[in-house]
């Protein structure tokens, strides 16, 4: 189940999420993906999201405000994941 954090400017929860990921034995770069959004990172983010959806990994998308047009594509992909989950149950 995805969890969304909507943060105010200057807020940084990554250190806390890193600790939580370690507690649950998620491995950075393998089962825990942190993508800093910007030019060209949409492809990296989509790949991480696909992998996470298939394998139960975690993904953090940092600075997503830098890519407002891409949010429509992200929303569609998350909707697709929901539909996929419903057909596999």
N, C-alpha and C. Protein backbone atom coordinates (compact mmCIF):
# COMPACT_ATOMS: atom_id res chain seq x y z
N UNK A 1 0.84 -1.18 0.00
CA UNK A 1 0.00 0.00 0.00
C UNK A 1 0.89 1.24 0.00
N UNK A 2 0.71 2.11 -0.97
CA UNK A 2 1.53 3.32 -1.00
C UNK A 2 1.22 4.25 0.17
N UNK A 3 2.24 4.94 0.61
CA UNK A 3 2.09 5.99 1.61
C UNK A 3 2.62 7.27 0.99
N UNK A 4 1.87 8.34 1.10
CA UNK A 4 2.26 9.62 0.53
C UNK A 4 2.53 10.60 1.65
N UNK A 5 3.65 11.29 1.58
CA UNK A 5 3.97 12.36 2.50
C UNK A 5 3.87 13.66 1.72
N UNK A 6 3.08 14.58 2.20
CA UNK A 6 3.02 15.91 1.60
C UNK A 6 3.69 16.83 2.61
N UNK A 7 4.84 17.32 2.23
CA UNK A 7 5.69 18.03 3.18
C UNK A 7 5.76 19.51 2.90
N UNK A 8 5.98 20.27 3.96
CA UNK A 8 6.19 21.70 3.78
C UNK A 8 7.64 21.94 3.37
N UNK A 9 7.89 23.09 2.76
CA UNK A 9 9.26 23.40 2.33
C UNK A 9 10.24 23.27 3.49
N UNK A 10 11.36 22.64 3.21
CA UNK A 10 12.40 22.47 4.21
C UNK A 10 12.27 21.21 5.05
N UNK A 11 11.12 20.54 5.00
CA UNK A 11 10.94 19.31 5.76
C UNK A 11 11.72 18.19 5.09
N UNK A 12 12.35 17.35 5.90
CA UNK A 12 13.10 16.24 5.34
C UNK A 12 12.90 15.02 6.23
N UNK A 13 12.20 14.04 5.71
CA UNK A 13 11.92 12.82 6.47
C UNK A 13 12.78 11.65 6.02
N UNK A 14 13.68 11.90 5.09
CA UNK A 14 14.46 10.80 4.52
C UNK A 14 15.27 10.08 5.59
N UNK A 15 15.89 10.80 6.50
CA UNK A 15 16.69 10.15 7.54
C UNK A 15 15.82 9.22 8.38
N UNK A 16 14.60 9.66 8.70
CA UNK A 16 13.69 8.81 9.47
C UNK A 16 13.26 7.59 8.67
N UNK A 17 12.99 7.80 7.38
CA UNK A 17 12.61 6.67 6.53
C UNK A 17 13.78 5.70 6.34
N UNK A 18 14.99 6.22 6.25
CA UNK A 18 16.17 5.37 6.16
C UNK A 18 16.27 4.46 7.38
N UNK A 19 16.05 5.03 8.55
CA UNK A 19 16.10 4.24 9.79
C UNK A 19 15.01 3.17 9.79
N UNK A 20 13.81 3.55 9.37
CA UNK A 20 12.71 2.59 9.35
C UNK A 20 12.98 1.48 8.34
N UNK A 21 13.52 1.85 7.18
CA UNK A 21 13.84 0.86 6.16
C UNK A 21 14.87 -0.13 6.70
N UNK A 22 15.88 0.37 7.39
CA UNK A 22 16.90 -0.52 7.97
C UNK A 22 16.28 -1.45 9.01
N UNK A 23 15.38 -0.90 9.80
CA UNK A 23 14.71 -1.72 10.83
C UNK A 23 13.97 -2.90 10.20
N UNK A 24 13.37 -2.68 9.03
CA UNK A 24 12.62 -3.73 8.35
C UNK A 24 13.46 -4.45 7.29
N UNK A 25 14.77 -4.25 7.37
CA UNK A 25 15.75 -4.94 6.53
C UNK A 25 15.61 -4.65 5.03
N UNK A 26 15.18 -3.43 4.70
CA UNK A 26 15.20 -2.98 3.31
C UNK A 26 16.61 -2.47 3.01
N UNK A 27 17.10 -2.78 1.82
CA UNK A 27 18.47 -2.45 1.45
C UNK A 27 18.46 -1.30 0.43
N UNK A 28 19.12 -0.17 0.77
CA UNK A 28 19.16 0.95 -0.18
C UNK A 28 19.70 0.51 -1.55
N UNK A 29 18.99 0.91 -2.59
CA UNK A 29 19.41 0.58 -3.95
C UNK A 29 18.98 -0.80 -4.42
N UNK A 30 18.50 -1.62 -3.49
CA UNK A 30 18.04 -2.96 -3.86
C UNK A 30 16.55 -3.13 -3.59
N UNK A 31 16.15 -2.92 -2.33
CA UNK A 31 14.75 -3.06 -1.97
C UNK A 31 14.15 -1.75 -1.46
N UNK A 32 14.97 -0.73 -1.44
CA UNK A 32 14.58 0.60 -0.95
C UNK A 32 15.20 1.62 -1.90
N UNK A 33 14.36 2.30 -2.67
CA UNK A 33 14.82 3.16 -3.75
C UNK A 33 14.51 4.62 -3.44
N UNK A 34 15.51 5.48 -3.56
CA UNK A 34 15.37 6.90 -3.28
C UNK A 34 15.72 7.65 -4.56
N UNK A 35 14.73 8.27 -5.20
CA UNK A 35 14.94 8.95 -6.47
C UNK A 35 14.74 10.45 -6.27
N UNK A 36 15.78 11.23 -6.56
CA UNK A 36 15.67 12.68 -6.53
C UNK A 36 15.20 13.13 -7.91
N UNK A 37 13.98 13.61 -7.96
CA UNK A 37 13.36 13.95 -9.23
C UNK A 37 14.00 15.18 -9.86
N UNK A 38 14.04 15.18 -11.15
CA UNK A 38 14.61 16.25 -11.96
C UNK A 38 14.69 15.75 -13.38
N UNK A 39 15.39 16.45 -14.21
CA UNK A 39 15.46 16.10 -15.63
C UNK A 39 15.94 14.67 -15.83
N UNK A 40 15.14 13.89 -16.54
CA UNK A 40 15.49 12.52 -16.89
C UNK A 40 15.23 11.49 -15.80
N UNK A 41 14.86 11.93 -14.61
CA UNK A 41 14.65 10.99 -13.52
C UNK A 41 13.28 10.33 -13.55
N UNK A 42 12.40 10.80 -14.43
CA UNK A 42 11.09 10.16 -14.55
C UNK A 42 11.23 8.71 -14.97
N UNK A 43 12.19 8.42 -15.83
CA UNK A 43 12.42 7.04 -16.29
C UNK A 43 12.94 6.19 -15.14
N UNK A 44 13.87 6.74 -14.37
CA UNK A 44 14.41 6.03 -13.20
C UNK A 44 13.30 5.78 -12.19
N UNK A 45 12.46 6.78 -11.96
CA UNK A 45 11.37 6.65 -10.99
C UNK A 45 10.37 5.59 -11.42
N UNK A 46 10.00 5.59 -12.70
CA UNK A 46 9.03 4.60 -13.18
C UNK A 46 9.59 3.19 -13.05
N UNK A 47 10.87 3.03 -13.34
CA UNK A 47 11.50 1.71 -13.21
C UNK A 47 11.48 1.26 -11.75
N UNK A 48 11.82 2.17 -10.85
CA UNK A 48 11.81 1.84 -9.42
C UNK A 48 10.39 1.51 -8.95
N UNK A 49 9.40 2.26 -9.42
CA UNK A 49 8.02 2.00 -9.04
C UNK A 49 7.53 0.64 -9.55
N UNK A 50 7.90 0.31 -10.78
CA UNK A 50 7.52 -1.00 -11.35
C UNK A 50 8.12 -2.13 -10.51
N UNK A 51 9.41 -2.00 -10.22
CA UNK A 51 10.09 -3.01 -9.42
C UNK A 51 9.47 -3.12 -8.03
N UNK A 52 9.22 -1.98 -7.43
CA UNK A 52 8.63 -1.95 -6.10
C UNK A 52 7.25 -2.59 -6.09
N UNK A 53 6.47 -2.31 -7.10
CA UNK A 53 5.13 -2.86 -7.18
C UNK A 53 5.17 -4.39 -7.29
N UNK A 54 6.08 -4.90 -8.10
CA UNK A 54 6.19 -6.35 -8.28
C UNK A 54 6.75 -7.06 -7.06
N UNK A 55 7.69 -6.40 -6.35
CA UNK A 55 8.47 -7.09 -5.33
C UNK A 55 8.28 -6.59 -3.90
N UNK A 56 7.40 -5.62 -3.70
CA UNK A 56 7.16 -5.11 -2.36
C UNK A 56 8.25 -4.20 -1.82
N UNK A 57 8.96 -3.54 -2.71
CA UNK A 57 10.00 -2.60 -2.29
C UNK A 57 9.39 -1.26 -1.88
N UNK A 58 10.25 -0.40 -1.36
CA UNK A 58 9.86 0.97 -1.03
C UNK A 58 10.51 1.92 -2.02
N UNK A 59 9.79 3.01 -2.35
CA UNK A 59 10.32 4.05 -3.23
C UNK A 59 10.03 5.41 -2.62
N UNK A 60 11.05 6.25 -2.59
CA UNK A 60 10.88 7.65 -2.20
C UNK A 60 11.13 8.49 -3.44
N UNK A 61 10.19 9.38 -3.75
CA UNK A 61 10.36 10.33 -4.85
C UNK A 61 10.57 11.71 -4.23
N UNK A 62 11.81 12.16 -4.22
CA UNK A 62 12.15 13.47 -3.65
C UNK A 62 12.00 14.56 -4.71
N UNK A 63 11.66 15.75 -4.27
CA UNK A 63 11.58 16.93 -5.12
C UNK A 63 10.61 16.75 -6.29
N UNK A 64 9.54 16.06 -6.03
CA UNK A 64 8.57 15.78 -7.09
C UNK A 64 7.92 17.06 -7.62
N UNK A 65 7.99 18.13 -6.83
CA UNK A 65 7.44 19.41 -7.28
C UNK A 65 8.18 19.95 -8.51
N UNK A 66 9.35 19.41 -8.79
CA UNK A 66 10.10 19.85 -9.97
C UNK A 66 9.53 19.30 -11.28
N UNK A 67 8.59 18.35 -11.18
CA UNK A 67 8.07 17.69 -12.37
C UNK A 67 6.54 17.65 -12.36
N UNK A 68 5.87 18.79 -12.29
CA UNK A 68 4.42 18.78 -12.16
C UNK A 68 3.70 18.12 -13.34
N UNK A 69 4.21 18.25 -14.55
CA UNK A 69 3.55 17.62 -15.70
C UNK A 69 3.62 16.10 -15.62
N UNK A 70 4.66 15.58 -15.02
CA UNK A 70 4.84 14.13 -14.90
C UNK A 70 3.87 13.51 -13.91
N UNK A 71 3.31 14.32 -13.02
CA UNK A 71 2.40 13.79 -12.00
C UNK A 71 1.19 13.11 -12.61
N UNK A 72 0.75 13.55 -13.78
CA UNK A 72 -0.38 12.90 -14.46
C UNK A 72 0.01 11.47 -14.83
N UNK A 73 1.22 11.30 -15.35
CA UNK A 73 1.71 9.96 -15.70
C UNK A 73 1.85 9.09 -14.45
N UNK A 74 2.37 9.69 -13.38
CA UNK A 74 2.51 8.97 -12.12
C UNK A 74 1.14 8.50 -11.61
N UNK A 75 0.17 9.38 -11.65
CA UNK A 75 -1.16 9.02 -11.18
C UNK A 75 -1.73 7.85 -11.99
N UNK A 76 -1.55 7.88 -13.31
CA UNK A 76 -2.03 6.78 -14.15
C UNK A 76 -1.33 5.48 -13.79
N UNK A 77 -0.02 5.54 -13.56
CA UNK A 77 0.73 4.33 -13.21
C UNK A 77 0.26 3.76 -11.88
N UNK A 78 0.02 4.62 -10.89
CA UNK A 78 -0.48 4.14 -9.60
C UNK A 78 -1.87 3.53 -9.74
N UNK A 79 -2.70 4.13 -10.59
CA UNK A 79 -4.02 3.53 -10.87
C UNK A 79 -3.87 2.16 -11.51
N UNK A 80 -2.92 2.03 -12.44
CA UNK A 80 -2.66 0.73 -13.07
C UNK A 80 -2.25 -0.31 -12.04
N UNK A 81 -1.43 0.09 -11.08
CA UNK A 81 -1.01 -0.84 -10.02
C UNK A 81 -2.21 -1.33 -9.22
N UNK A 82 -3.15 -0.44 -8.96
CA UNK A 82 -4.35 -0.82 -8.21
C UNK A 82 -5.13 -1.86 -8.99
N UNK A 83 -5.34 -1.61 -10.28
CA UNK A 83 -6.09 -2.54 -11.12
C UNK A 83 -5.37 -3.89 -11.18
N UNK A 84 -4.05 -3.87 -11.35
CA UNK A 84 -3.27 -5.11 -11.37
C UNK A 84 -3.46 -5.88 -10.08
N UNK A 85 -3.42 -5.18 -8.97
CA UNK A 85 -3.59 -5.83 -7.65
C UNK A 85 -4.96 -6.45 -7.50
N UNK A 86 -5.96 -5.81 -8.06
CA UNK A 86 -7.32 -6.34 -7.95
C UNK A 86 -7.49 -7.59 -8.82
N UNK A 87 -6.78 -7.66 -9.93
CA UNK A 87 -6.92 -8.83 -10.81
C UNK A 87 -6.10 -10.02 -10.32
N UNK A 88 -5.12 -9.77 -9.42
CA UNK A 88 -4.31 -10.87 -8.90
C UNK A 88 -4.85 -11.45 -7.63
N UNK A 89 -5.86 -10.85 -7.06
CA UNK A 89 -6.43 -11.34 -5.79
C UNK A 89 -7.42 -12.46 -6.02
